[in-house]
Amino acid sequence: MKSNLNGCYGIPWVHYKGRQGDFYILVMDMLGPSLWDVWNSLGQSMSTSMVACIAVEAISILEKLHMKGFVHGDVKPENFLLGQPGTADEKKLYLIDLGLASRWKDASSAQHVEYDQRPDIFRGTVRYASVHAHLGRTGSRRDDLESLAYTLIFLIKGRLPWQGYQGDNKSFLVSKKKMATPSELMCSFCPAPFKWFLEAVTNMNFDEEPNYSKLIALFESLIEPCSSLRLIRIDGALKVGQKRGRLPINLEEDEQPKKKVRLGSPATQWISVYNARRPMKQRYHYNVADSRLFQHVEKGTQDGLYISCVASASSLWALIMDAGTGFTSQVYELSAVFLHKDWIMEQWEKNYYISSIAGAANGSSLVVMSKGTPYTQQSYKVSESFPFKWINKKWKEGFHVTSMTTAGNRWGVVMSRNSGYSEQVVELDFLYPSEGIHRRWESGYRITSMAATDDQAAFILSTLKRKLVDETQETLRTSAFPSTHVKEKWSKNLYIASICYGRTVC
């Protein structure tokens, strides 16, 4: 890769790479201090003009790198270096350390790489990484620019709101803080272009091509007009401007970045999923107290209905019962213990399998187990964080996720063999709806399980071994249980397939 980038603007030249004995050798241009070093030498403070120069030159360097088909993957002050002091290049900016670089454009097809999410994989530096990197999403051009935004804010303010977090869940806490901090607060005491830049890059789509010249133009008014007084050369940005005839823009007026979902307000709502089915009888109950659960289930059973899914909000239960489950017998348990192991194992011995689960904020749970499922074996996991590593391991063993729930911040995931699914993927985010879910839909996946905490929503999307005649799927987000919408869905032969209560954005 380094040889592919020789001659790329802002990337130091590699003169030799090879191996001698047990050692790998790389010989490249000798450079000077990093921006981290310069920031420290200036009393941990940089002028607005200097950071604006860094911004436009860094954007230019990233544009040239991106044109080669690569993303850097670890943009931060330590990875931007100046030329050697005392030389003609002492004010020239360079980008180093391509150890985490990856292709955003396929080398053979020249197409954008496919979107994916692997929540167990994090690449980058926690302080400056994009939220997408924290969530394990495939790297693309937007991620380099988001990391650059955090780098610039750090250099001008001297601190980012998430500094100081420690512990095993540091990455989760930092990414949560990044999502929760409004751009106005993040960029307080910064000139407006820094806020505009942050909003523009954090709201880019996965495969969106950045408008580099517009991003550069944001900072032009902040740059020292006399070139000899600039502490950073902006050769690359000037060339971009000359080539494209760039004009200054005013993002406070007509061209302000569109307010996309990343800038929405966090909310806690009901998320309901509806699948196309042949006409059938379906019944719902919500705000059900423990003491009233039995009578609802008993009445439904007498009418030939079985529980198809359950959920909880404010420690009250919601249950969906319908005639299309295919179940022949069903048992359930309300327990103060989250997913009561002894009871579940006892039912497994009787050939019942978990068909739906729900956890309440007080830590209790409702577990429904049925006969007549296609399952041949089950396993479940209770975890303090979303257990993607375990899910990935079980996938390789032939299991698929068939039920999920949360209780407070605890996750419960059930996986089954012979589920009828051929492939599954995970979408985990701090907000819903997300771009990733729509991409999965476009690829033929459909939501088959979901659960949410107050912080995150997780969705399992699957493809079926046997293709459905009608693959229509719709979702709703409602502050109250969607009782007013269900009849409308039923009239279109759309029936509740899954429901949960938790984190969304509105």
Protein backbone atom coordinates (compact mmCIF):
# COMPACT_ATOMS: atom_id res chain seq x y z
CA MET A 1 0.00 0.00 0.00
CA LYS A 2 2.81 2.43 0.88
CA SER A 3 4.28 2.04 -2.60
CA ASN A 4 0.83 2.78 -4.07
CA LEU A 5 0.82 6.06 -2.16
CA ASN A 6 4.34 7.24 -3.05
CA GLY A 7 3.95 10.67 -4.55
CA CYS A 8 0.51 11.19 -2.96
CA TYR A 9 0.25 14.76 -1.71
CA GLY A 10 1.02 15.10 2.00
CA ILE A 11 2.21 11.49 2.42
CA PRO A 12 5.95 11.12 3.17
CA TRP A 13 7.97 9.28 0.53
CA VAL A 14 8.93 5.67 1.22
CA HIS A 15 12.48 5.04 -0.02
CA TYR A 16 12.85 1.41 0.97
CA LYS A 17 10.89 -1.38 2.57
CA GLY A 18 12.14 -4.87 3.17
CA ARG A 19 13.35 -7.41 5.66
CA GLN A 20 16.73 -8.17 7.15
CA GLY A 21 16.87 -11.24 9.36
CA ASP A 22 14.09 -11.05 11.93
CA PHE A 23 13.46 -7.36 11.32
CA TYR A 24 11.23 -5.50 8.90
CA ILE A 25 12.70 -2.23 7.65
CA LEU A 26 10.99 0.90 6.36
CA VAL A 27 13.00 3.93 5.22
CA MET A 28 11.02 7.12 4.67
CA ASP A 29 11.43 10.89 4.69
CA MET A 30 12.71 12.39 7.92
CA LEU A 31 10.10 14.76 9.29
CA GLY A 32 9.75 17.20 12.16
CA PRO A 33 7.39 17.59 15.15
CA SER A 34 3.79 16.36 15.23
CA LEU A 35 0.84 18.66 15.79
CA TRP A 36 0.67 17.17 19.27
CA ASP A 37 4.25 18.32 19.89
CA VAL A 38 3.54 21.76 18.47
CA TRP A 39 0.35 22.08 20.55
CA ASN A 40 2.33 21.28 23.70
CA SER A 41 5.17 23.65 22.79
CA LEU A 42 2.64 26.46 22.37
CA GLY A 43 1.32 26.01 25.89
CA GLN A 44 -1.40 23.57 24.82
CA SER A 45 -3.16 26.22 22.80
CA MET A 46 -3.27 27.12 19.12
CA SER A 47 -4.58 30.23 17.43
CA THR A 48 -7.74 30.12 15.35
CA SER A 49 -5.79 31.03 12.23
CA MET A 50 -3.28 28.24 12.75
CA VAL A 51 -5.97 25.59 13.29
CA ALA A 52 -7.85 26.88 10.23
CA CYS A 53 -4.67 26.40 8.18
CA ILE A 54 -4.35 22.87 9.59
CA ALA A 55 -8.00 22.24 8.67
CA VAL A 56 -7.76 23.22 5.01
CA GLU A 57 -4.43 21.47 4.46
CA ALA A 58 -5.55 18.31 6.26
CA ILE A 59 -8.73 18.19 4.17
CA SER A 60 -6.58 18.52 1.04
CA ILE A 61 -4.29 15.70 2.14
CA LEU A 62 -7.24 13.45 2.96
CA GLU A 63 -8.86 14.26 -0.38
CA LYS A 64 -5.72 13.10 -2.24
CA LEU A 65 -5.51 9.96 -0.09
CA HIS A 66 -9.19 9.23 -0.71
CA MET A 67 -8.70 9.71 -4.45
CA LYS A 68 -6.22 6.82 -4.28
CA GLY A 69 -9.02 4.64 -2.88
CA PHE A 70 -7.85 4.54 0.75
CA VAL A 71 -9.08 5.87 4.09
CA HIS A 72 -6.52 6.53 6.83
CA GLY A 73 -8.45 5.15 9.79
CA ASP A 74 -6.52 6.91 12.56
CA VAL A 75 -6.59 10.68 12.04
CA LYS A 76 -5.28 12.47 15.13
CA PRO A 77 -2.76 15.20 16.10
CA GLU A 78 0.04 12.67 16.62
CA ASN A 79 -0.27 11.50 13.02
CA PHE A 80 0.13 14.92 11.40
CA LEU A 81 3.78 15.99 11.23
CA LEU A 82 5.52 19.10 9.96
CA GLY A 83 8.65 19.04 7.82
CA GLN A 84 12.10 19.19 9.35
CA PRO A 85 12.88 22.47 11.14
CA GLY A 86 15.24 24.71 9.22
CA THR A 87 14.25 23.31 5.84
CA ALA A 88 11.99 24.69 3.11
CA ASP A 89 9.30 22.25 4.23
CA GLU A 90 9.25 23.14 7.93
CA LYS A 91 5.71 24.56 7.58
CA LYS A 92 4.46 21.76 5.34
CA LEU A 93 1.96 19.29 6.80
CA TYR A 94 2.28 15.52 6.36
CA LEU A 95 0.05 12.59 7.31
CA ILE A 96 1.83 9.50 8.65
CA ASP A 97 1.09 6.03 10.10
CA LEU A 98 -0.96 4.12 7.56
CA GLY A 99 -1.09 1.00 9.71
CA LEU A 100 -4.89 1.15 10.02
CA ALA A 101 -5.55 2.38 6.47
CA SER A 102 -8.04 0.41 4.41
CA ARG A 103 -9.67 0.59 1.02
CA TRP A 104 -12.97 2.40 0.66
CA LYS A 105 -12.95 1.65 -3.07
CA ASP A 106 -12.50 -1.89 -4.39
CA ALA A 107 -9.27 -2.10 -6.38
CA SER A 108 -10.68 -4.35 -9.11
CA SER A 109 -14.23 -3.04 -9.56
CA ALA A 110 -13.59 0.60 -8.54
CA GLN A 111 -16.91 0.39 -6.65
CA HIS A 112 -17.43 1.48 -3.05
CA VAL A 113 -16.80 -1.38 -0.62
CA GLU A 114 -19.87 -3.01 0.92
CA TYR A 115 -21.33 -1.74 4.18
CA ASP A 116 -20.98 -4.00 7.22
CA GLN A 117 -21.02 -3.75 11.01
CA ARG A 118 -18.94 -5.81 13.42
CA PRO A 119 -19.50 -4.38 16.92
CA ASP A 120 -16.59 -6.45 18.32
CA ILE A 121 -14.04 -4.69 16.09
CA PHE A 122 -12.70 -1.22 16.87
CA ARG A 123 -10.01 0.42 14.77
CA GLY A 124 -8.53 3.80 15.61
CA THR A 125 -7.86 5.96 18.66
CA VAL A 126 -10.73 6.23 21.13
CA ARG A 127 -10.42 9.99 21.66
CA TYR A 128 -10.66 10.91 17.95
CA ALA A 129 -12.44 7.93 16.32
CA SER A 130 -15.78 8.42 14.57
CA VAL A 131 -18.90 7.03 16.19
CA HIS A 132 -19.16 4.63 13.25
CA ALA A 133 -15.70 3.27 14.11
CA HIS A 134 -16.78 2.73 17.72
CA LEU A 135 -19.76 0.74 16.46
CA GLY A 136 -17.56 -1.44 14.25
CA ARG A 137 -18.83 -0.19 10.91
CA THR A 138 -16.80 -0.51 7.74
CA GLY A 139 -14.55 2.52 7.38
CA SER A 140 -15.31 5.10 4.70
CA ARG A 141 -14.34 8.66 3.84
CA ARG A 142 -16.74 10.19 6.35
CA ASP A 143 -14.83 8.60 9.24
CA ASP A 144 -11.53 10.32 8.43
CA LEU A 145 -13.33 13.66 8.28
CA GLU A 146 -15.18 13.10 11.57
CA SER A 147 -11.86 12.25 13.25
CA LEU A 148 -10.38 15.41 11.74
CA ALA A 149 -13.26 17.44 13.21
CA TYR A 150 -12.47 16.14 16.71
CA THR A 151 -8.76 16.79 16.09
CA LEU A 152 -9.40 20.42 15.14
CA ILE A 153 -11.72 21.04 18.10
CA PHE A 154 -9.10 19.54 20.43
CA LEU A 155 -6.32 21.74 19.03
CA ILE A 156 -8.37 24.93 19.40
CA LYS A 157 -10.05 24.16 22.76
CA GLY A 158 -7.41 21.96 24.35
CA ARG A 159 -9.89 19.33 25.49
CA LEU A 160 -12.76 17.14 24.27
CA PRO A 161 -15.85 16.44 26.42
CA TRP A 162 -15.14 12.69 26.68
CA GLN A 163 -11.57 12.87 27.95
CA GLY A 164 -11.01 11.14 31.28
CA TYR A 165 -13.13 8.01 30.84
CA GLN A 166 -11.41 4.83 32.03
CA GLY A 167 -12.16 1.12 32.30
CA ASP A 168 -13.10 -1.79 30.07
CA ASN A 169 -16.15 0.03 28.70
CA LYS A 170 -14.23 3.23 27.86
CA SER A 171 -14.98 2.98 24.13
CA PHE A 172 -18.72 2.60 24.79
CA LEU A 173 -18.78 5.56 27.19
CA VAL A 174 -16.81 7.76 24.80
CA SER A 175 -18.97 6.89 21.79
CA LYS A 176 -22.11 7.48 23.85
CA LYS A 177 -20.78 10.90 24.86
CA LYS A 178 -19.91 11.75 21.26
CA MET A 179 -23.48 10.99 20.23
CA ALA A 180 -24.99 12.86 23.17
CA THR A 181 -22.94 16.08 22.91
CA PRO A 182 -24.65 18.71 20.71
CA SER A 183 -22.45 20.46 18.16
CA GLU A 184 -23.22 23.79 19.86
CA LEU A 185 -21.70 22.53 23.10
CA MET A 186 -18.86 20.67 21.40
CA CYS A 187 -17.83 23.80 19.53
CA SER A 188 -18.55 26.38 22.22
CA PHE A 189 -15.96 29.19 22.11
CA CYS A 190 -14.92 28.01 18.61
CA PRO A 191 -15.62 30.14 15.52
CA ALA A 192 -18.75 29.02 13.67
CA PRO A 193 -16.93 27.21 10.80
CA PHE A 194 -15.77 24.49 13.20
CA LYS A 195 -19.38 23.76 14.15
CA TRP A 196 -20.47 23.77 10.50
CA PHE A 197 -17.67 21.38 9.61
CA LEU A 198 -18.55 19.00 12.46
CA GLU A 199 -22.23 18.94 11.49
CA ALA A 200 -21.45 18.42 7.82
CA VAL A 201 -19.13 15.45 8.31
CA THR A 202 -21.03 13.69 11.10
CA ASN A 203 -24.14 13.59 8.93
CA MET A 204 -22.59 12.03 5.83
CA ASN A 205 -23.86 8.74 4.49
CA PHE A 206 -21.59 5.70 4.33
CA ASP A 207 -20.78 5.99 0.61
CA GLU A 208 -21.28 9.73 0.21
CA GLU A 209 -18.54 11.60 -1.62
CA PRO A 210 -17.36 14.54 0.48
CA ASN A 211 -17.46 17.98 -1.10
CA TYR A 212 -13.88 18.76 -0.14
CA SER A 213 -13.79 22.21 -1.76
CA LYS A 214 -16.87 23.33 0.20
CA LEU A 215 -15.40 21.97 3.42
CA ILE A 216 -12.16 23.88 2.75
CA ALA A 217 -14.11 27.04 1.96
CA LEU A 218 -15.65 26.98 5.44
CA PHE A 219 -12.33 27.98 6.99
CA GLU A 220 -11.00 30.51 4.47
CA SER A 221 -12.25 33.56 6.35
CA LEU A 222 -10.24 32.47 9.43
CA ILE A 223 -6.89 32.17 7.66
CA GLU A 224 -4.19 34.82 7.99
CA PRO A 225 -4.20 36.65 4.63
CA CYS A 226 -0.43 37.19 4.62
CA SER A 227 1.13 33.87 3.61
CA SER A 228 4.49 34.66 5.24
CA LEU A 229 2.79 34.94 8.65
CA ARG A 230 1.05 31.56 8.43
CA LEU A 231 2.54 28.86 10.66
CA ILE A 232 1.23 26.15 8.31
CA ARG A 233 1.52 26.14 4.53
CA ILE A 234 -1.75 25.58 2.68
CA ASP A 235 -0.39 24.68 -0.76
CA GLY A 236 -2.82 21.79 -1.26
CA ALA A 237 -5.89 23.83 -0.37
CA LEU A 238 -4.83 26.65 -2.69
CA LYS A 239 -4.41 24.18 -5.57
CA VAL A 240 -7.86 22.77 -4.92
CA GLY A 241 -9.33 26.27 -5.01
CA GLN A 242 -7.59 27.19 -8.26
CA LYS A 243 -8.57 23.91 -9.92
CA ARG A 244 -12.26 24.09 -9.04
CA GLY A 245 -12.77 27.84 -8.98
CA ARG A 246 -14.09 27.53 -5.45
CA LEU A 247 -16.30 30.30 -4.11
CA PRO A 248 -16.81 31.16 -0.44
CA ILE A 249 -20.04 29.75 0.94
CA ASN A 250 -22.37 30.84 3.70
CA LEU A 251 -23.72 27.83 5.56
CA GLU A 252 -25.78 29.99 7.90
CA GLU A 253 -28.16 30.70 5.05
CA ASP A 254 -29.42 28.50 2.23
CA GLU A 255 -26.55 26.01 2.21
CA GLN A 256 -26.54 25.06 5.86
CA PRO A 257 -26.00 21.28 6.18
CA LYS A 258 -29.28 19.40 6.13
CA LYS A 259 -30.39 18.31 9.59
CA LYS A 260 -30.13 14.56 9.32
CA VAL A 261 -30.90 11.93 11.92
CA ARG A 262 -27.56 12.26 13.74
CA LEU A 263 -28.68 15.69 14.86
CA GLY A 264 -32.07 14.51 16.10
CA SER A 265 -33.25 14.54 19.69
CA PRO A 266 -32.89 11.31 21.72
CA ALA A 267 -36.19 9.76 22.72
CA THR A 268 -37.56 6.63 24.38
CA GLN A 269 -40.32 5.12 22.28
CA TRP A 270 -42.10 1.98 21.21
CA ILE A 271 -40.56 0.41 18.12
CA SER A 272 -42.91 -1.97 16.32
CA VAL A 273 -42.24 -4.12 13.25
CA TYR A 274 -45.03 -5.35 10.94
CA ASN A 275 -44.74 -8.19 8.42
CA ALA A 276 -47.06 -9.08 5.57
CA ARG A 277 -49.05 -12.24 6.42
CA ARG A 278 -52.12 -14.02 5.19
CA PRO A 279 -55.22 -12.73 7.00
CA MET A 280 -55.26 -14.02 10.56
CA LYS A 281 -56.50 -13.17 14.00
CA GLN A 282 -54.12 -11.11 16.16
CA ARG A 283 -54.66 -9.57 19.58
CA TYR A 284 -52.56 -7.18 21.65
CA HIS A 285 -52.48 -6.16 25.31
CA TYR A 286 -50.33 -3.45 26.87
CA ASN A 287 -49.77 -1.82 30.26
CA VAL A 288 -50.43 -5.25 31.73
CA ALA A 289 -49.54 -5.68 35.41
CA ASP A 290 -48.13 -8.98 36.65
CA SER A 291 -51.42 -9.83 38.34
CA ARG A 292 -53.45 -9.46 35.12
CA LEU A 293 -51.13 -11.37 32.79
CA PHE A 294 -52.70 -14.77 33.46
CA GLN A 295 -56.25 -13.76 32.52
CA HIS A 296 -55.14 -12.26 29.18
CA VAL A 297 -53.10 -15.33 28.26
CA GLU A 298 -55.85 -17.70 29.38
CA LYS A 299 -58.50 -15.89 27.32
CA GLY A 300 -56.25 -15.88 24.25
CA THR A 301 -55.50 -19.58 24.62
CA GLN A 302 -59.22 -20.36 24.81
CA ASP A 303 -59.63 -18.48 21.52
CA GLY A 304 -56.88 -20.51 19.83
CA LEU A 305 -54.18 -17.82 20.11
CA TYR A 306 -50.59 -18.16 21.28
CA ILE A 307 -48.11 -15.51 22.41
CA SER A 308 -45.94 -14.46 19.46
CA CYS A 309 -43.95 -11.66 21.10
CA VAL A 310 -43.66 -9.81 24.40
CA ALA A 311 -42.15 -6.53 25.59
CA SER A 312 -42.01 -4.28 28.63
CA ALA A 313 -42.21 -0.57 29.41
CA SER A 314 -42.12 0.93 32.89
CA SER A 315 -42.20 -2.61 34.35
CA LEU A 316 -45.58 -3.27 32.72
CA TRP A 317 -45.97 -5.91 30.02
CA ALA A 318 -47.12 -5.89 26.42
CA LEU A 319 -48.01 -9.13 24.69
CA ILE A 320 -49.05 -10.00 21.17
CA MET A 321 -51.10 -13.14 20.62
CA ASP A 322 -52.07 -14.52 17.23
CA ALA A 323 -53.28 -17.57 15.35
CA GLY A 324 -50.33 -17.79 12.98
CA THR A 325 -47.54 -19.03 15.24
CA GLY A 326 -47.80 -22.74 14.44
CA PHE A 327 -47.31 -23.53 18.13
CA THR A 328 -49.09 -26.50 19.68
CA SER A 329 -48.46 -25.80 23.37
CA GLN A 330 -47.05 -22.94 25.42
CA VAL A 331 -45.82 -22.16 28.93
CA TYR A 332 -44.48 -18.96 30.43
CA GLU A 333 -42.86 -17.72 33.62
CA LEU A 334 -42.75 -14.36 35.30
CA SER A 335 -39.61 -14.21 37.38
CA ALA A 336 -37.80 -11.66 39.51
CA VAL A 337 -34.64 -13.23 38.05
CA PHE A 338 -33.65 -12.08 34.56
CA LEU A 339 -34.06 -15.18 32.36
CA HIS A 340 -34.41 -17.75 35.12
CA LYS A 341 -31.97 -20.53 34.18
CA ASP A 342 -33.42 -23.39 36.24
CA TRP A 343 -36.93 -22.94 34.86
CA ILE A 344 -35.69 -22.61 31.26
CA MET A 345 -33.62 -25.79 31.52
CA GLU A 346 -36.57 -27.63 33.04
CA GLN A 347 -38.74 -26.69 30.05
CA TRP A 348 -36.02 -27.64 27.59
CA GLU A 349 -36.17 -31.12 29.10
CA LYS A 350 -39.87 -31.18 28.18
CA ASN A 351 -39.09 -30.16 24.56
CA TYR A 352 -40.27 -26.58 24.94
CA TYR A 353 -38.15 -23.89 23.27
CA ILE A 354 -37.91 -20.19 24.04
CA SER A 355 -40.15 -18.36 21.56
CA SER A 356 -40.18 -14.86 23.09
CA ILE A 357 -38.65 -13.01 26.03
CA ALA A 358 -39.02 -9.62 27.69
CA GLY A 359 -37.15 -7.93 30.50
CA ALA A 360 -38.38 -5.12 32.71
CA ALA A 361 -36.57 -2.09 34.10
CA ASN A 362 -36.79 -3.59 37.62
CA GLY A 363 -34.79 -6.65 36.48
CA SER A 364 -37.67 -9.10 36.22
CA SER A 365 -38.42 -11.06 33.07
CA LEU A 366 -41.16 -12.82 31.16
CA VAL A 367 -40.05 -15.95 29.30
CA VAL A 368 -42.39 -17.72 26.88
CA MET A 369 -41.55 -21.25 25.73
CA SER A 370 -43.45 -23.21 23.11
CA LYS A 371 -43.84 -26.54 21.38
CA GLY A 372 -44.30 -26.59 17.62
CA THR A 373 -41.27 -24.42 16.86
CA PRO A 374 -38.80 -25.59 14.20
CA TYR A 375 -35.89 -25.32 16.67
CA THR A 376 -33.72 -28.32 17.52
CA GLN A 377 -31.31 -26.72 20.01
CA GLN A 378 -31.03 -23.45 21.91
CA SER A 379 -28.53 -21.40 23.85
CA TYR A 380 -28.89 -18.04 25.54
CA LYS A 381 -26.61 -15.36 26.98
CA VAL A 382 -27.07 -12.69 29.63
CA SER A 383 -24.55 -9.87 29.39
CA GLU A 384 -23.88 -6.38 30.74
CA SER A 385 -23.16 -5.21 27.16
CA PHE A 386 -24.40 -6.34 23.77
CA PRO A 387 -22.78 -9.80 23.35
CA PHE A 388 -21.71 -9.64 19.71
CA LYS A 389 -18.62 -11.83 20.17
CA TRP A 390 -20.81 -14.60 21.58
CA ILE A 391 -23.36 -14.14 18.77
CA ASN A 392 -20.61 -14.35 16.16
CA LYS A 393 -19.26 -17.52 17.78
CA LYS A 394 -22.70 -19.16 17.79
CA TRP A 395 -23.31 -18.16 14.17
CA LYS A 396 -20.29 -20.25 13.23
CA GLU A 397 -21.84 -23.18 15.13
CA GLY A 398 -25.06 -23.00 13.10
CA PHE A 399 -27.19 -20.99 15.54
CA HIS A 400 -29.20 -17.85 14.72
CA VAL A 401 -30.66 -15.18 17.00
CA THR A 402 -34.37 -15.84 17.55
CA SER A 403 -35.19 -13.61 20.56
CA MET A 404 -33.66 -10.61 22.33
CA THR A 405 -34.54 -8.37 25.25
CA THR A 406 -33.07 -6.03 27.83
CA ALA A 407 -33.59 -5.35 31.52
CA GLY A 408 -32.09 -2.02 32.46
CA ASN A 409 -28.67 -2.14 30.81
CA ARG A 410 -28.50 -5.96 30.72
CA TRP A 411 -28.96 -7.84 27.46
CA GLY A 412 -30.54 -11.25 26.98
CA VAL A 413 -30.07 -13.01 23.63
CA VAL A 414 -31.49 -16.40 22.59
CA MET A 415 -30.00 -18.34 19.65
CA SER A 416 -31.47 -21.44 18.04
CA ARG A 417 -30.52 -24.13 15.56
CA ASN A 418 -32.87 -24.82 12.63
CA SER A 419 -34.33 -21.33 12.78
CA GLY A 420 -35.14 -21.09 9.08
CA TYR A 421 -32.69 -18.23 8.56
CA SER A 422 -29.81 -18.46 6.10
CA GLU A 423 -27.87 -15.28 7.02
CA GLN A 424 -27.99 -12.74 9.84
CA VAL A 425 -26.42 -9.36 10.51
CA VAL A 426 -26.47 -6.99 13.48
CA GLU A 427 -27.28 -3.29 13.52
CA LEU A 428 -26.33 -1.69 16.83
CA ASP A 429 -26.65 2.05 17.26
CA PHE A 430 -27.28 4.85 19.71
CA LEU A 431 -30.27 5.89 17.65
CA TYR A 432 -32.99 4.41 15.50
CA PRO A 433 -33.73 4.61 12.63
CA SER A 434 -30.24 4.28 11.21
CA GLU A 435 -28.77 4.31 7.73
CA GLY A 436 -27.49 0.77 8.22
CA ILE A 437 -30.96 -0.75 8.60
CA HIS A 438 -32.09 0.79 5.33
CA ARG A 439 -28.99 -0.56 3.60
CA ARG A 440 -29.74 -4.02 4.94
CA TRP A 441 -33.35 -3.81 3.73
CA GLU A 442 -32.11 -2.90 0.27
CA SER A 443 -29.94 -6.04 0.35
CA GLY A 444 -32.93 -8.27 1.12
CA TYR A 445 -32.61 -8.52 4.92
CA ARG A 446 -35.60 -8.11 7.23
CA ILE A 447 -35.76 -7.34 10.96
CA THR A 448 -36.38 -10.57 12.88
CA SER A 449 -35.39 -9.59 16.45
CA MET A 450 -34.82 -6.34 18.28
CA ALA A 451 -34.22 -4.96 21.75
CA ALA A 452 -33.28 -1.60 23.22
CA THR A 453 -31.92 -0.01 26.36
CA ASP A 454 -32.12 3.67 27.26
CA ASP A 455 -28.79 4.09 25.40
CA GLN A 456 -28.81 1.73 22.44
CA ALA A 457 -31.05 -0.17 20.07
CA ALA A 458 -29.98 -3.50 18.54
CA PHE A 459 -31.58 -5.15 15.52
CA ILE A 460 -31.03 -8.59 14.07
CA LEU A 461 -31.76 -8.68 10.34
CA SER A 462 -32.04 -12.00 8.56
CA THR A 463 -32.57 -13.61 5.19
CA LEU A 464 -34.83 -16.64 5.05
CA LYS A 465 -33.94 -20.02 3.56
CA ARG A 466 -37.39 -20.09 1.97
CA LYS A 467 -38.21 -16.83 0.24
CA LEU A 468 -41.54 -15.28 1.22
CA VAL A 469 -44.16 -14.48 -1.40
CA ASP A 470 -44.62 -11.02 0.13
CA GLU A 471 -41.55 -9.58 1.88
CA THR A 472 -43.23 -6.32 2.87
CA GLN A 473 -42.02 -5.04 6.25
CA GLU A 474 -42.90 -1.74 7.91
CA THR A 475 -41.79 -0.15 11.17
CA LEU A 476 -43.26 2.44 13.49
CA ARG A 477 -41.91 4.61 16.29
CA THR A 478 -44.54 5.85 18.74
CA SER A 479 -44.43 7.48 22.16
CA ALA A 480 -47.39 5.39 23.30
CA PHE A 481 -48.12 1.77 22.50
CA PRO A 482 -49.19 1.80 18.81
CA SER A 483 -52.77 0.68 19.45
CA THR A 484 -54.18 3.40 17.18
CA HIS A 485 -52.03 2.20 14.27
CA VAL A 486 -52.44 -1.56 14.54
CA LYS A 487 -55.92 -1.78 13.01
CA GLU A 488 -54.75 0.27 10.04
CA LYS A 489 -51.88 -2.21 9.57
CA TRP A 490 -54.21 -5.17 9.92
CA SER A 491 -56.38 -3.77 7.11
CA LYS A 492 -53.31 -4.10 4.86
CA ASN A 493 -52.58 -7.63 6.16
CA LEU A 494 -49.57 -6.34 8.11
CA TYR A 495 -49.24 -7.92 11.56
CA ILE A 496 -47.01 -7.16 14.52
CA ALA A 497 -43.93 -9.38 14.30
CA SER A 498 -41.76 -7.75 16.94
CA ILE A 499 -41.98 -4.93 19.45
CA CYS A 500 -39.72 -3.28 22.02
CA TYR A 501 -39.39 -0.11 24.05
CA GLY A 502 -36.19 1.92 24.21
CA ARG A 503 -33.78 4.32 22.54
CA THR A 504 -34.79 6.11 19.33
CA VAL A 505 -34.33 9.57 17.88
CA CYS A 506 -36.98 12.04 16.79
